[in-house]
C-alpha atoms as a PDB file:
ATOM      1  CA  MET A   1      -6.404 -19.008   8.292  1.00  0.00           C
ATOM      2  CA  SER A   2      -2.891 -17.198   7.066  1.00  0.00           C
ATOM      3  CA  ASP A   3       0.568 -18.001   8.090  1.00  0.00           C
ATOM      4  CA  SER A   4       1.492 -14.923   6.293  1.00  0.00           C
ATOM      5  CA  SER A   5       2.761 -11.474   7.658  1.00  0.00           C
ATOM      6  CA  PHE A   6       3.816  -7.813   6.963  1.00  0.00           C
ATOM      7  CA  PRO A   7       7.612  -7.337   6.482  1.00  0.00           C
ATOM      8  CA  LYS A   8       8.815  -4.660   9.049  1.00  0.00           C
ATOM      9  CA  THR A   9       9.917  -1.002   7.298  1.00  0.00           C
ATOM     10  CA  ALA A  10      10.195   2.450   8.212  1.00  0.00           C
ATOM     11  CA  GLN A  11       6.083   3.295   6.680  1.00  0.00           C
ATOM     12  CA  ASN A  12       4.223   1.102   9.081  1.00  0.00           C
ATOM     13  CA  SER A  13       6.932  -0.330  11.579  1.00  0.00           C
ATOM     14  CA  VAL A  14       5.142   0.644  15.572  1.00  0.00           C
ATOM     15  CA  ASN A  15       7.712   2.494  17.098  1.00  0.00           C
ATOM     16  CA  ARG A  16       6.375   3.300  20.230  1.00  0.00           C
ATOM     17  CA  HIS A  17       5.353   0.327  22.501  1.00  0.00           C
ATOM     18  CA  ARG A  18       6.858  -2.119  19.896  1.00  0.00           C
ATOM     19  CA  GLU A  19       5.091  -4.822  22.092  1.00  0.00           C
ATOM     20  CA  ARG A  20       1.701  -4.490  20.941  1.00  0.00           C
ATOM     21  CA  GLY A  21       2.700  -4.144  17.173  1.00  0.00           C
ATOM     22  CA  HIS A  22       1.441  -7.099  15.699  1.00  0.00           C
ATOM     23  CA  TYR A  23       1.700  -7.967  11.361  1.00  0.00           C
ATOM     24  CA  ASP A  24       0.118 -10.514  10.660  1.00  0.00           C
ATOM     25  CA  GLU A  25      -2.447 -10.843   7.899  1.00  0.00           C
ATOM     26  CA  ASP A  26      -5.148 -12.259   9.786  1.00  0.00           C
ATOM     27  CA  THR A  27      -5.346  -9.889  12.907  1.00  0.00           C
ATOM     28  CA  ILE A  28      -4.717  -6.850  10.557  1.00  0.00           C
ATOM     29  CA  HIS A  29      -7.820  -7.941   8.312  1.00  0.00           C
ATOM     30  CA  SER A  30      -9.810  -9.159  11.008  1.00  0.00           C
ATOM     31  CA  ILE A  31      -9.598  -5.678  12.561  1.00  0.00           C
ATOM     32  CA  ILE A  32     -10.318  -3.433   9.224  1.00  0.00           C
ATOM     33  CA  ASN A  33     -13.133  -6.071   8.336  1.00  0.00           C
ATOM     34  CA  ALA A  34     -14.327  -5.752  12.082  1.00  0.00           C
ATOM     35  CA  THR A  35     -14.292  -2.542  12.128  1.00  0.00           C
ATOM     36  CA  PRO A  36     -18.100  -0.621  10.274  1.00  0.00           C
ATOM     37  CA  VAL A  37     -16.173   2.703   9.546  1.00  0.00           C
ATOM     38  CA  ALA A  38     -12.268   2.932   8.378  1.00  0.00           C
ATOM     39  CA  HIS A  39     -11.096   6.247   7.573  1.00  0.00           C
ATOM     40  CA  VAL A  40      -8.588   6.706   4.172  1.00  0.00           C
ATOM     41  CA  SER A  41      -6.351   9.384   3.845  1.00  0.00           C
ATOM     42  CA  PHE A  42      -4.872  10.336   0.829  1.00  0.00           C
ATOM     43  CA  VAL A  43      -3.691  13.241  -1.747  1.00  0.00           C
ATOM     44  CA  PRO A  44      -5.991  14.448  -4.233  1.00  0.00           C
ATOM     45  CA  ASP A  45      -4.280  16.850  -5.588  1.00  0.00           C
ATOM     46  CA  PRO A  46      -0.085  16.300  -6.284  1.00  0.00           C
ATOM     47  CA  SER A  47       0.469  19.977  -6.974  1.00  0.00           C
ATOM     48  CA  ASN A  48      -0.720  21.167  -3.752  1.00  0.00           C
ATOM     49  CA  PRO A  49      -0.395  18.057  -1.423  1.00  0.00           C
ATOM     50  CA  VAL A  50      -2.445  19.095   1.296  1.00  0.00           C
ATOM     51  CA  PRO A  51      -3.366  15.382   2.519  1.00  0.00           C
ATOM     52  CA  VAL A  52      -7.675  14.590   3.255  1.00  0.00           C
ATOM     53  CA  ILE A  53      -8.930  12.137   5.367  1.00  0.00           C
ATOM     54  CA  LEU A  54     -12.426  10.131   4.367  1.00  0.00           C
ATOM     55  CA  PRO A  55     -14.472   7.899   6.562  1.00  0.00           C
ATOM     56  CA  MET A  56     -15.699   5.295   4.523  1.00  0.00           C
ATOM     57  CA  ILE A  57     -16.297   1.710   4.165  1.00  0.00           C
ATOM     58  CA  ALA A  58     -13.707  -1.191   3.350  1.00  0.00           C
ATOM     59  CA  ARG A  59     -13.000  -4.773   3.203  1.00  0.00           C
ATOM     60  CA  ILE A  60     -10.383  -6.787   2.705  1.00  0.00           C
ATOM     61  CA  GLY A  61     -10.915  -9.705   0.806  1.00  0.00           C
ATOM     62  CA  LYS A  62      -9.566 -12.120  -2.323  1.00  0.00           C
ATOM     63  CA  PHE A  63     -11.487 -11.761  -6.005  1.00  0.00           C
ATOM     64  CA  ARG A  64      -9.808 -15.215  -7.101  1.00  0.00           C
ATOM     65  CA  ASP A  65      -7.831 -17.528  -4.957  1.00  0.00           C
ATOM     66  CA  ASP A  66      -4.833 -17.139  -6.435  1.00  0.00           C
ATOM     67  CA  ASP A  67      -5.025 -12.965  -6.055  1.00  0.00           C
ATOM     68  CA  ALA A  68      -3.329 -11.385  -3.169  1.00  0.00           C
ATOM     69  CA  PRO A  69      -6.297  -9.650  -0.514  1.00  0.00           C
ATOM     70  CA  CYS A  70      -6.463  -6.290  -1.209  1.00  0.00           C
ATOM     71  CA  CYS A  71      -8.536  -3.779   0.758  1.00  0.00           C
ATOM     72  CA  TYR A  72     -11.910  -2.777  -1.152  1.00  0.00           C
ATOM     73  CA  VAL A  73     -13.514   1.327  -0.602  1.00  0.00           C
ATOM     74  CA  HIS A  74     -16.750   2.245  -1.253  1.00  0.00           C
ATOM     75  CA  GLY A  75     -17.901   5.485  -2.610  1.00  0.00           C
ATOM     76  CA  TYR A  76     -20.480   8.043  -4.631  1.00  0.00           C
ATOM     77  CA  VAL A  77     -18.564   8.432  -8.139  1.00  0.00           C
ATOM     78  CA  SER A  78     -18.585  12.313  -7.500  1.00  0.00           C
ATOM     79  CA  ALA A  79     -16.802  12.190  -3.883  1.00  0.00           C
ATOM     80  CA  ARG A  80     -13.907  13.918  -4.381  1.00  0.00           C
ATOM     81  CA  MET A  81     -11.650  10.249  -3.516  1.00  0.00           C
ATOM     82  CA  PHE A  82     -12.991   8.795  -6.944  1.00  0.00           C
ATOM     83  CA  ARG A  83     -12.025  12.018  -8.961  1.00  0.00           C
ATOM     84  CA  LEU A  84      -8.097  10.720  -8.925  1.00  0.00           C
ATOM     85  CA  PRO A  85      -5.811  11.803 -11.972  1.00  0.00           C
ATOM     86  CA  ASP A  86      -6.505   9.705 -15.334  1.00  0.00           C
ATOM     87  CA  GLN A  87      -3.027   9.221 -15.922  1.00  0.00           C
ATOM     88  CA  PRO A  88       0.156   6.706 -15.449  1.00  0.00           C
ATOM     89  CA  GLY A  89       0.041   6.450 -11.787  1.00  0.00           C
ATOM     90  CA  GLY A  90      -3.324   7.585 -10.972  1.00  0.00           C
ATOM     91  CA  GLY A  91      -6.432   6.146 -10.441  1.00  0.00           C
ATOM     92  CA  GLY A  92      -8.398   6.472 -13.475  1.00  0.00           C
ATOM     93  CA  GLY A  93      -7.448   3.276 -14.807  1.00  0.00           C
ATOM     94  CA  GLY A  94      -4.412   4.899 -16.044  1.00  0.00           C
ATOM     95  CA  GLY A  95      -2.555   1.222 -15.572  1.00  0.00           C
ATOM     96  CA  GLY A  96       0.247   2.963 -13.376  1.00  0.00           C
ATOM     97  CA  GLU A  97       1.061   1.536 -10.012  1.00  0.00           C
ATOM     98  CA  GLY A  98      -1.796   3.957  -7.820  1.00  0.00           C
ATOM     99  CA  VAL A  99      -2.413   6.890  -6.144  1.00  0.00           C
ATOM    100  CA  PRO A 100      -0.694   5.992  -2.817  1.00  0.00           C
ATOM    101  CA  VAL A 101      -3.155   5.819   0.039  1.00  0.00           C
ATOM    102  CA  CYS A 102      -3.047   4.921   4.397  1.00  0.00           C
ATOM    103  CA  ILE A 103      -6.404   3.061   5.644  1.00  0.00           C
ATOM    104  CA  ALA A 104      -6.811   3.155   9.341  1.00  0.00           C
ATOM    105  CA  ALA A 105      -9.687   1.259  11.791  1.00  0.00           C
ATOM    106  CA  THR A 106      -9.697   1.489  15.386  1.00  0.00           C
ATOM    107  CA  GLN A 107     -11.957  -0.678  17.727  1.00  0.00           C
ATOM    108  CA  VAL A 108     -12.493   0.366  21.508  1.00  0.00           C
ATOM    109  CA  VAL A 109     -12.256  -2.420  23.938  1.00  0.00           C
ATOM    110  CA  ASN A 110     -11.803  -0.477  27.351  1.00  0.00           C
ATOM    111  CA  PHE A 111     -12.246   2.672  28.683  1.00  0.00           C
ATOM    112  CA  VAL A 112      -9.400   2.292  31.189  1.00  0.00           C
ATOM    113  CA  LEU A 113      -9.130   4.293  34.214  1.00  0.00           C
ATOM    114  CA  ALA A 114      -5.961   5.342  36.446  1.00  0.00           C
ATOM    115  CA  LEU A 115      -4.567   6.979  39.672  1.00  0.00           C
ATOM    116  CA  THR A 116      -3.314  10.116  37.645  1.00  0.00           C
ATOM    117  CA  PRO A 117      -4.762  11.198  34.185  1.00  0.00           C
ATOM    118  CA  PHE A 118      -1.681  11.140  32.737  1.00  0.00           C
ATOM    119  CA  ASN A 119      -2.220   7.351  32.698  1.00  0.00           C
ATOM    120  CA  HIS A 120      -5.628   6.981  31.894  1.00  0.00           C
ATOM    121  CA  SER A 121      -6.253   5.158  28.081  1.00  0.00           C
ATOM    122  CA  TYR A 122      -8.035   2.941  26.509  1.00  0.00           C
ATOM    123  CA  ASP A 123      -7.863  -0.543  25.582  1.00  0.00           C
ATOM    124  CA  TYR A 124      -8.048  -1.222  21.638  1.00  0.00           C
ATOM    125  CA  ARG A 125      -7.420  -3.017  18.460  1.00  0.00           C
ATOM    126  CA  SER A 126      -5.914  -0.565  15.313  1.00  0.00           C
ATOM    127  CA  ALA A 127      -4.802  -1.020  12.074  1.00  0.00           C
ATOM    128  CA  VAL A 128      -3.054   0.980   9.349  1.00  0.00           C
ATOM    129  CA  VAL A 129      -2.922  -0.492   5.821  1.00  0.00           C
ATOM    130  CA  HIS A 130      -0.544   1.542   3.242  1.00  0.00           C
ATOM    131  CA  GLY A 131      -1.224   0.896  -0.748  1.00  0.00           C
ATOM    132  CA  HIS A 132      -1.780   1.998  -4.135  1.00  0.00           C
ATOM    133  CA  ALA A 133      -5.407   2.810  -5.113  1.00  0.00           C
ATOM    134  CA  GLU A 134      -6.820   2.344  -8.687  1.00  0.00           C
ATOM    135  CA  LEU A 135     -10.747   2.780  -9.930  1.00  0.00           C
ATOM    136  CA  LEU A 136     -12.507  -0.579 -10.703  1.00  0.00           C
ATOM    137  CA  ASP A 137     -14.039   0.150 -14.173  1.00  0.00           C
ATOM    138  CA  PRO A 138     -17.708  -0.413 -14.718  1.00  0.00           C
ATOM    139  CA  VAL A 139     -17.400  -2.921 -18.229  1.00  0.00           C
ATOM    140  CA  ALA A 140     -13.859  -3.968 -18.133  1.00  0.00           C
ATOM    141  CA  ASP A 141     -13.814  -5.579 -14.135  1.00  0.00           C
ATOM    142  CA  ARG A 142     -17.480  -5.785 -14.030  1.00  0.00           C
ATOM    143  CA  ASP A 143     -17.102  -9.306 -12.550  1.00  0.00           C
ATOM    144  CA  GLU A 144     -14.759  -7.960  -9.665  1.00  0.00           C
ATOM    145  CA  ASN A 145     -16.937  -5.160  -9.445  1.00  0.00           C
ATOM    146  CA  LEU A 146     -19.889  -7.071  -8.365  1.00  0.00           C
ATOM    147  CA  TRP A 147     -17.703  -8.917  -6.387  1.00  0.00           C
ATOM    148  CA  ALA A 148     -16.320  -6.467  -4.361  1.00  0.00           C
ATOM    149  CA  MET A 149     -19.723  -4.664  -3.446  1.00  0.00           C
ATOM    150  CA  GLU A 150     -21.419  -7.624  -2.126  1.00  0.00           C
ATOM    151  CA  LEU A 151     -18.548  -8.227  -0.205  1.00  0.00           C
ATOM    152  CA  ILE A 152     -19.324  -4.854   0.744  1.00  0.00           C
ATOM    153  CA  THR A 153     -22.685  -5.285   1.445  1.00  0.00           C
ATOM    154  CA  ASP A 154     -22.516  -8.220   2.997  1.00  0.00           C
ATOM    155  CA  GLY A 155     -19.458  -6.714   5.514  1.00  0.00           C
ATOM    156  CA  ILE A 156     -22.944  -4.522   6.653  1.00  0.00           C
ATOM    157  CA  VAL A 157     -25.064  -7.386   7.232  1.00  0.00           C
ATOM    158  CA  PRO A 158     -23.935 -10.870   6.462  1.00  0.00           C
ATOM    159  CA  ARG A 159     -26.373 -12.014   2.983  1.00  0.00           C
ATOM    160  CA  ARG A 160     -27.970  -8.461   2.326  1.00  0.00           C
ATOM    161  CA  TRP A 161     -26.611  -8.639  -1.214  1.00  0.00           C
ATOM    162  CA  GLU A 162     -28.798 -12.093  -1.706  1.00  0.00           C
ATOM    163  CA  ASN A 163     -31.584 -10.511  -0.099  1.00  0.00           C
ATOM    164  CA  THR A 164     -31.698  -7.298  -2.062  1.00  0.00           C
ATOM    165  CA  ARG A 165     -32.965  -6.473  -5.880  1.00  0.00           C
ATOM    166  CA  ILE A 166     -29.987  -7.965  -7.713  1.00  0.00           C
ATOM    167  CA  PRO A 167     -28.027  -7.223  -9.861  1.00  0.00           C
ATOM    168  CA  PRO A 168     -27.376  -3.842 -10.009  1.00  0.00           C
ATOM    169  CA  ASP A 169     -28.510  -1.807 -12.999  1.00  0.00           C
ATOM    170  CA  ASP A 170     -25.810  -0.365 -15.371  1.00  0.00           C
ATOM    171  CA  THR A 171     -26.748   3.243 -13.883  1.00  0.00           C
ATOM    172  CA  GLU A 172     -25.802   2.360 -10.575  1.00  0.00           C
ATOM    173  CA  ILE A 173     -23.120   0.561 -11.158  1.00  0.00           C
ATOM    174  CA  ALA A 174     -21.550   3.306 -13.098  1.00  0.00           C
ATOM    175  CA  SER A 175     -22.546   6.062 -10.690  1.00  0.00           C
ATOM    176  CA  THR A 176     -21.142   4.134  -7.518  1.00  0.00           C
ATOM    177  CA  ARG A 177     -17.074   3.105  -7.402  1.00  0.00           C
ATOM    178  CA  ILE A 178     -15.157   0.679  -6.056  1.00  0.00           C
ATOM    179  CA  LEU A 179     -11.985   1.549  -5.121  1.00  0.00           C
ATOM    180  CA  ARG A 180      -9.217  -1.069  -5.433  1.00  0.00           C
ATOM    181  CA  VAL A 181      -5.837  -0.904  -2.844  1.00  0.00           C
ATOM    182  CA  ARG A 182      -2.959  -3.083  -3.489  1.00  0.00           C
ATOM    183  CA  ILE A 183      -1.657  -3.798   0.294  1.00  0.00           C
ATOM    184  CA  ASP A 184       2.105  -2.721   0.164  1.00  0.00           C
ATOM    185  CA  GLY A 185       2.017  -2.873   4.372  1.00  0.00           C
ATOM    186  CA  ALA A 186       0.059  -2.789   6.732  1.00  0.00           C
ATOM    187  CA  SER A 187       0.302  -3.489  10.982  1.00  0.00           C
ATOM    188  CA  ALA A 188      -1.890  -3.577  13.809  1.00  0.00           C
ATOM    189  CA  LYS A 189      -1.679  -2.229  17.428  1.00  0.00           C
ATOM    190  CA  ILE A 190      -3.108  -3.589  20.719  1.00  0.00           C
ATOM    191  CA  ARG A 191      -3.339  -2.297  23.989  1.00  0.00           C
ATOM    192  CA  ASP A 192      -5.181  -5.093  26.520  1.00  0.00           C
ATOM    193  CA  SER A 193      -2.936  -4.500  29.053  1.00  0.00           C
ATOM    194  CA  GLY A 194      -5.748  -2.080  31.421  1.00  0.00           C
ATOM    195  CA  VAL A 195      -4.132  -0.156  34.550  1.00  0.00           C
ATOM    196  CA  LYS A 196      -1.247   0.736  34.293  1.00  0.00           C
ATOM    197  CA  ASP A 197      -0.342   3.294  37.100  1.00  0.00           C
ATOM    198  CA  ASP A 198       3.290   4.565  38.450  1.00  0.00           C
ATOM    199  CA  ARG A 199       5.396   2.835  41.034  1.00  0.00           C
ATOM    200  CA  LYS A 200       5.013   6.091  43.532  1.00  0.00           C
ATOM    201  CA  ASP A 201       1.414   6.239  43.230  1.00  0.00           C
ATOM    202  CA  MET A 202       0.746   2.999  43.696  1.00  0.00           C
ATOM    203  CA  LYS A 203       3.182   3.711  47.306  1.00  0.00           C
ATOM    204  CA  ASN A 204       0.429   6.413  47.775  1.00  0.00           C
ATOM    205  CA  THR A 205      -2.187   4.863  50.031  1.00  0.00           C
ATOM    206  CA  GLU A 206      -4.316   7.538  50.768  1.00  0.00           C
ATOM    207  CA  VAL A 207      -4.267   9.033  46.683  1.00  0.00           C
ATOM    208  CA  ARG A 208      -4.952   4.221  45.982  1.00  0.00           C
ATOM    209  CA  GLU A 209      -7.875   4.659  48.533  1.00  0.00           C
ATOM    210  CA  ARG A 210      -9.723   7.806  47.382  1.00  0.00           C
ATOM    211  CA  VAL A 211      -9.617   7.446  43.599  1.00  0.00           C
ATOM    212  CA  TRP A 212     -11.159   4.496  42.354  1.00  0.00           C
ATOM    213  CA  THR A 213      -9.114   2.538  38.887  1.00  0.00           C
ATOM    214  CA  GLY A 214     -10.331   0.292  36.691  1.00  0.00           C
ATOM    215  CA  VAL A 215     -11.787  -0.658  33.262  1.00  0.00           C
ATOM    216  CA  ILE A 216     -15.387   0.459  32.122  1.00  0.00           C
ATOM    217  CA  PRO A 217     -16.083  -2.127  29.397  1.00  0.00           C
ATOM    218  CA  TYR A 218     -16.745  -0.618  25.722  1.00  0.00           C
ATOM    219  CA  HIS A 219     -18.982  -2.904  23.352  1.00  0.00           C
ATOM    220  CA  GLU A 220     -21.189  -2.120  20.808  1.00  0.00           C
ATOM    221  CA  THR A 221     -24.571  -3.740  20.482  1.00  0.00           C
ATOM    222  CA  LEU A 222     -27.429  -3.764  17.704  1.00  0.00           C
ATOM    223  CA  GLY A 223     -31.130  -2.713  18.521  1.00  0.00           C
ATOM    224  CA  THR A 224     -34.538  -3.168  17.790  1.00  0.00           C
ATOM    225  CA  PRO A 225     -34.912  -2.697  13.422  1.00  0.00           C
ATOM    226  CA  VAL A 226     -37.108  -0.350  13.006  1.00  0.00           C
ATOM    227  CA  PRO A 227     -39.122  -0.187   9.539  1.00  0.00           C
ATOM    228  CA  ASP A 228     -38.662   2.641   6.434  1.00  0.00           C
ATOM    229  CA  GLU A 229     -42.180   4.354   6.344  1.00  0.00           C
ATOM    230  CA  LYS A 230     -42.689   2.631   3.217  1.00  0.00           C
ATOM    231  CA  ASN A 231     -41.836  -0.781   4.081  1.00  0.00           C
ATOM    232  CA  LEU A 232     -43.642  -3.704   3.095  1.00  0.00           C
ATOM    233  CA  VAL A 233     -42.037  -6.428   4.675  1.00  0.00           C
ATOM    234  CA  LYS A 234     -44.478  -7.495   7.855  1.00  0.00           C
ATOM    235  CA  GLU A 235     -41.820  -9.131   9.478  1.00  0.00           C
ATOM    236  CA  VAL A 236     -38.247  -8.203  10.075  1.00  0.00           C
ATOM    237  CA  PRO A 237     -36.222 -11.207   8.228  1.00  0.00           C
ATOM    238  CA  GLY A 238     -34.492 -14.049   9.539  1.00  0.00           C
ATOM    239  CA  TYR A 239     -31.831 -13.340   8.330  1.00  0.00           C
ATOM    240  CA  ILE A 240     -31.492  -9.927  10.232  1.00  0.00           C
ATOM    241  CA  THR A 241     -32.811 -11.403  13.052  1.00  0.00           C
ATOM    242  CA  ASP A 242     -30.158 -14.397  13.114  1.00  0.00           C
ATOM    243  CA  TYR A 243     -27.667 -11.670  12.699  1.00  0.00           C
ATOM    244  CA  ILE A 244     -28.136  -9.179  15.159  1.00  0.00           C
ATOM    245  CA  ARG A 245     -29.106 -11.888  17.981  1.00  0.00           C
ATOM    246  CA  GLU A 246     -24.938 -13.384  17.238  1.00  0.00           C
ATOM    247  CA  HIS A 247     -23.465 -10.016  17.226  1.00  0.00           C
ATOM    248  CA  ASN A 248     -24.713  -8.949  20.734  1.00  0.00           C
ATOM    249  CA  GLN A 249     -24.086 -12.227  21.541  1.00  0.00           C
ATOM    250  CA  ARG A 250     -20.072 -11.948  20.711  1.00  0.00           C
ATOM    251  CA  SER A 251     -20.233  -8.419  22.116  1.00  0.00           C
ATOM    252  CA  ARG A 252     -21.395 -10.119  25.720  1.00  0.00           C
ATOM    253  CA  ARG A 253     -19.024 -12.577  25.692  1.00  0.00           C
ATOM    254  CA  GLY A 254     -15.845 -10.626  24.483  1.00  0.00           C
ATOM    255  CA  ALA A 255     -16.969  -7.539  27.277  1.00  0.00           C
ATOM    256  CA  GLU A 256     -17.123 -10.954  29.952  1.00  0.00           C
ATOM    257  CA  ASN A 257     -13.715 -12.708  28.377  1.00  0.00           C
ATOM    258  CA  ASN A 258     -12.310  -8.984  28.476  1.00  0.00           C
ATOM    259  CA  GLU A 259     -13.453  -9.028  32.331  1.00  0.00           C
ATOM    260  CA  GLY A 260     -12.115 -11.995  32.873  1.00  0.00           C
ATOM    261  CA  GLY A 261      -8.660 -10.733  31.655  1.00  0.00           C
ATOM    262  CA  ILE A 262      -8.681  -7.693  33.207  1.00  0.00           C
ATOM    263  CA  VAL A 263      -9.310 -10.083  37.106  1.00  0.00           C
ATOM    264  CA  ARG A 264      -6.320 -12.207  35.985  1.00  0.00           C
ATOM    265  CA  ARG A 265      -3.981  -9.715  35.421  1.00  0.00           C
ATOM    266  CA  VAL A 266      -5.368  -7.965  38.944  1.00  0.00           C
ATOM    267  CA  ILE A 267      -4.888 -11.115  40.775  1.00  0.00           C
ATOM    268  CA  GLY A 268      -1.373 -11.844  38.956  1.00  0.00           C
ATOM    269  CA  SER A 269      -0.482  -8.279  40.001  1.00  0.00           C
ATOM    270  CA  LEU A 270      -1.012  -8.712  43.795  1.00  0.00           C
ATOM    271  CA  LEU A 271       0.262 -12.301  43.621  1.00  0.00           C
ATOM    272  CA  GLY A 272       3.703 -10.792  42.337  1.00  0.00           C
ATOM    273  CA  SER A 273       3.212 -12.721  39.212  1.00  0.00           C
END
């Protein structure tokens, strides 16, 4: 666990509902690393500053123990984001500070149903990272490149990397590139307050007796593995079935804990606490 926090800046400060803002590394990293898809935004052509957003796989980690955490993003070499300009300040290994990027990840926890449509919402956990990105060189940065590939692969299913045909060959390493993002600033925003109705509606007994309010817990579970038609392994490996079971147990526990939290907040509001 880390005690480090990102400083609040004009770029990363949570302005609306500031009470929901979090700036500690552990919270931000856990959201990014638990979200299957992150959205990465950047400007591919400085001469035509139209932003682009791509859904990608992103994971935060430290290549060496004494390194600052970086966010590693995976993509095929022909993807637009990985054709960054090879110039100072670009992402082609030119030695500059890198290309500015923004990475966002969101986890939905509950659908929140209130008395009025205007107070409907989600309970959620979200994180936004600002930083500068550059491509890892498949030759000069080979060790970090392989480490990042393992980090990202095991971020999908733990232990998957060691249970595949490894190491990748030179063609695979050359065609699948890794973007390393130096994190300059970041923040998280968490809503876990459930239903928030206006006082005027809470005084309207007719509406409260007619309109159901509450939350619908939202959690993702993994289904039964379906073998590929070319698969020759008869049984699903234990590391996969173990991960599915553990993932689904965590999802159920999270939903149960959240439901319990909602009940406690409802009881507390009725008791005036």
